[in-house]
Protein backbone atom coordinates (compact mmCIF):
# COMPACT_ATOMS: atom_id res chain seq x y z
CA MET A 1 0.00 0.00 0.00
CA GLU A 2 1.18 3.47 -0.81
CA PHE A 3 -0.32 6.61 0.73
CA PHE A 4 -0.16 9.98 -1.01
CA PRO A 5 -1.48 12.73 1.32
CA ASP A 6 -2.12 16.22 -0.06
CA GLY A 7 -3.74 18.56 2.46
CA ASP A 8 -7.27 17.23 3.11
CA ASN A 9 -6.94 14.79 0.20
CA LEU A 10 -5.50 11.29 0.30
CA VAL A 11 -4.82 8.81 -2.50
CA VAL A 12 -4.23 5.19 -1.48
CA LYS A 13 -2.79 2.69 -3.97
CA THR A 14 -2.95 -1.01 -3.09
CA HIS A 15 -1.28 -3.95 -4.81
CA PHE A 16 -1.80 -7.46 -3.47
CA GLU A 17 -0.69 -10.69 -5.05
CA ILE A 18 -0.52 -14.33 -4.07
CA ILE A 19 0.96 -16.66 -6.65
CA VAL A 20 1.69 -20.22 -5.56
CA LYS A 21 3.27 -22.81 -7.84
CA LEU A 22 3.92 -26.50 -7.41
CA GLY A 23 6.62 -27.08 -9.97
CA PHE A 24 5.34 -25.49 -13.17
CA ILE A 25 1.67 -25.62 -12.15
CA LYS A 26 -0.03 -22.57 -10.61
CA VAL A 27 -2.26 -23.69 -7.78
CA ALA A 28 -3.14 -20.15 -6.67
CA ASP A 29 -3.11 -16.89 -8.59
CA PHE A 30 -4.74 -13.94 -6.85
CA ARG A 31 -3.94 -10.33 -7.75
CA HIS A 32 -5.71 -7.19 -6.60
CA ASP A 33 -4.99 -3.58 -7.56
CA ALA A 34 -6.90 -0.61 -6.16
CA VAL A 35 -6.80 3.17 -6.08
CA GLU A 36 -8.89 5.10 -3.54
CA TYR A 37 -9.46 8.87 -3.48
CA TRP A 38 -10.40 10.45 -0.14
CA LYS A 39 -11.35 14.04 0.67
CA ASN A 40 -11.80 15.21 4.27
CA GLY A 41 -11.97 11.57 5.40
CA ILE A 42 -14.73 10.62 2.92
CA LEU A 43 -14.25 8.20 0.04
CA VAL A 44 -15.01 10.16 -3.15
CA ALA A 45 -13.87 7.65 -5.78
CA PHE A 46 -12.28 4.24 -6.17
CA ILE A 47 -11.28 1.84 -8.89
CA THR A 48 -10.22 -1.80 -8.49
CA ASP A 49 -9.31 -4.77 -10.65
CA THR A 50 -8.92 -8.29 -9.30
CA LYS A 51 -7.76 -11.50 -10.94
CA GLU A 52 -8.46 -14.76 -9.13
CA GLN A 53 -7.24 -17.75 -11.14
CA ASP A 54 -9.00 -17.09 -14.49
CA LYS A 55 -11.86 -15.03 -13.03
CA ARG A 56 -11.84 -11.21 -13.27
CA LEU A 57 -13.61 -8.91 -10.83
CA PHE A 58 -13.79 -5.13 -10.92
CA ALA A 59 -15.36 -2.18 -9.15
CA ARG A 60 -15.47 1.54 -9.80
CA GLY A 61 -17.25 4.08 -7.68
CA VAL A 62 -17.71 7.85 -7.65
CA LEU A 63 -19.52 9.84 -4.98
CA GLY A 64 -22.36 11.86 -6.48
CA GLU A 65 -25.25 13.92 -5.10
CA GLU A 66 -27.48 10.83 -4.79
CA GLY A 67 -24.82 8.62 -3.18
CA LEU A 68 -22.01 6.35 -4.25
CA VAL A 69 -22.46 5.45 -7.91
CA VAL A 70 -20.90 2.01 -8.43
CA GLU A 71 -20.23 -0.10 -11.48
CA GLY A 72 -18.89 -3.51 -10.58
CA SER A 73 -18.73 -7.12 -11.60
CA LYS A 74 -21.44 -8.05 -9.05
CA PHE A 75 -23.30 -4.76 -8.54
CA SER A 76 -24.06 -1.67 -10.58
CA GLY A 77 -26.17 1.14 -9.21
CA THR A 78 -26.28 3.90 -6.62
CA MET A 79 -25.76 3.28 -2.94
CA ASP A 80 -27.64 5.73 -0.73
CA LYS A 81 -24.51 6.95 1.05
CA ALA A 82 -20.74 7.04 0.75
CA LEU A 83 -19.78 3.68 2.17
CA MET A 84 -16.21 2.88 3.06
CA PRO A 85 -14.42 0.12 1.14
CA ALA A 86 -13.73 -3.17 2.91
CA THR A 87 -10.04 -2.52 3.45
CA PHE A 88 -8.15 -3.02 6.67
CA TRP A 89 -5.86 0.02 6.55
CA ASN A 90 -8.48 2.47 7.86
CA PRO A 91 -9.57 1.67 11.46
CA GLU A 92 -12.74 3.73 10.89
CA SER A 93 -14.07 0.81 8.85
CA LEU A 94 -14.32 -1.18 12.12
CA THR A 95 -17.20 1.07 13.21
CA GLU A 96 -19.28 0.54 10.07
CA LYS A 97 -22.10 -2.00 9.63
CA GLN A 98 -21.97 -1.89 5.81
CA LEU A 99 -19.00 -1.54 3.47
CA VAL A 100 -18.37 -1.72 -0.26
CA ASN A 101 -16.71 -4.94 -1.39
CA HIS A 102 -13.50 -3.69 -2.96
CA GLN A 103 -13.41 -6.50 -5.50
CA SER A 104 -16.95 -6.55 -6.90
CA GLY A 105 -18.67 -3.28 -5.92
CA LYS A 106 -21.33 -5.12 -3.92
CA LYS A 107 -22.55 -3.76 -0.58
CA ILE A 108 -21.67 -6.11 2.28
CA ASP A 109 -22.88 -6.33 5.85
CA VAL A 110 -20.08 -6.63 8.38
CA GLU A 111 -19.86 -7.39 12.04
CA THR A 112 -16.77 -6.39 13.99
CA THR A 113 -15.74 -8.14 17.19
CA PHE A 114 -12.89 -7.07 19.46
CA LEU A 115 -10.83 -10.21 20.17
CA GLY A 116 -8.44 -8.65 22.68
CA ARG A 117 -4.76 -7.81 22.82
CA GLN A 118 -1.90 -9.94 21.59
CA GLN A 119 1.80 -9.66 20.88
CA LEU A 120 2.83 -9.23 17.24
CA ASN A 121 6.23 -8.81 15.62
CA VAL A 122 6.10 -5.46 13.79
CA LEU A 123 9.25 -4.62 11.83
CA GLY A 124 11.39 -6.68 14.18
CA GLU A 125 9.89 -5.26 17.35
CA VAL A 126 7.32 -7.10 19.47
CA LYS A 127 4.33 -4.82 19.98
CA ASP A 128 1.10 -5.04 21.90
CA VAL A 129 -1.71 -4.91 19.30
CA LEU A 130 -5.49 -4.82 19.35
CA THR A 131 -7.11 -7.65 17.39
CA TYR A 132 -10.51 -7.44 15.66
CA SER A 133 -12.50 -10.02 13.73
CA PHE A 134 -13.72 -8.12 10.70
CA ALA A 135 -15.06 -8.92 7.20
CA LYS A 136 -13.95 -12.58 7.04
CA GLY A 137 -10.56 -11.92 8.59
CA ASP A 138 -8.70 -10.52 11.56
CA ALA A 139 -7.12 -7.08 11.64
CA TYR A 140 -4.30 -5.92 13.93
CA TYR A 141 -3.88 -2.30 15.06
CA THR A 142 -1.59 -0.51 17.48
CA PRO A 143 -3.38 1.21 20.40
CA GLN A 144 -2.89 4.45 18.39
CA GLY A 145 -4.99 3.02 15.51
CA GLU A 146 -2.19 2.19 13.05
CA TRP A 147 -2.93 -0.92 10.98
CA VAL A 148 -0.01 -3.37 11.23
CA GLY A 149 -1.34 -6.63 9.79
CA GLY A 150 -4.07 -9.15 9.41
CA ALA A 151 -4.99 -12.76 8.82
CA PHE A 152 -7.63 -14.43 6.72
CA ARG A 153 -9.06 -17.80 5.69
CA LYS A 154 -11.01 -19.95 8.11
CA LYS A 155 -7.95 -20.95 10.13
CA ARG A 156 -6.44 -17.44 9.87
CA ASP A 157 -3.36 -19.12 8.40
CA ALA A 158 -2.85 -16.61 5.59
CA ILE A 159 -1.11 -13.72 7.33
CA TYR A 160 0.03 -10.36 6.07
CA GLU A 161 1.95 -7.76 8.00
CA ILE A 162 3.73 -4.46 7.67
CA CYS A 163 7.27 -5.02 6.44
CA SER A 164 10.27 -2.87 5.70
CA PRO A 165 10.48 -1.52 2.13
CA ASP A 166 13.61 -3.59 1.40
CA LYS A 167 11.51 -6.80 1.66
CA ILE A 168 9.12 -5.67 -1.08
CA PRO A 169 10.14 -6.78 -4.59
CA PRO A 170 10.74 -3.93 -7.04
CA LYS A 171 7.63 -2.85 -8.95
CA LYS A 172 9.05 -4.15 -12.22
CA LYS A 173 8.65 -7.68 -10.77
CA TRP A 174 5.03 -7.23 -9.65
CA HIS A 175 2.26 -9.25 -11.31
CA TYR A 176 -0.49 -6.68 -11.79
CA ALA A 177 -4.18 -7.47 -12.07
CA SER A 178 -4.47 -4.55 -14.49
CA GLU A 179 -2.77 -1.33 -15.55
CA ILE A 180 -4.60 0.98 -13.11
CA LEU A 181 -1.66 1.42 -10.74
CA LEU A 182 0.57 2.51 -13.59
CA LYS A 183 -1.59 5.52 -14.45
CA ASP A 184 -1.46 8.86 -12.63
CA ASN A 185 -5.24 9.16 -12.93
CA PRO A 186 -6.91 5.81 -13.71
CA PHE A 187 -10.27 7.55 -14.34
CA GLU A 188 -8.96 9.15 -17.53
């Protein structure tokens, strides 16, 4: 995830990929690219592309006078208010009962449960984190509200965490779901 703050505006770019091979055979191929535009803490536009094996999902949304106008692979229409996307980075999403599915544009009902505190290795330092069950996964935050990781799948055995930039492969080696992250303004 990359964050580009500019006064009251924020652009968030997300790239997520899981590619697992057994020999020459791909057994898992999941890629997700997203760009979110925020103004004064409100989502005003987003665009996502997702590739899961051979299936493609997408979602695009723009906040209008009537609400969030969404075109997606599983929903197209206007949502009556500016819902937040189902992403872990923003702890405000933990307070919401409905979110926009980042992959398909569909509105989803969510229930958040505080699971307690636990110790987590964050950039080589053991930190006390708050753990929440949220949108089919767990999310970890510092007491100050900084997102530091998460886990998903039924057994919570797929884990992601904040890492130092030197552990991230260079962008030229990324396997993109689409070209949206390569554009300055993907809405053009």
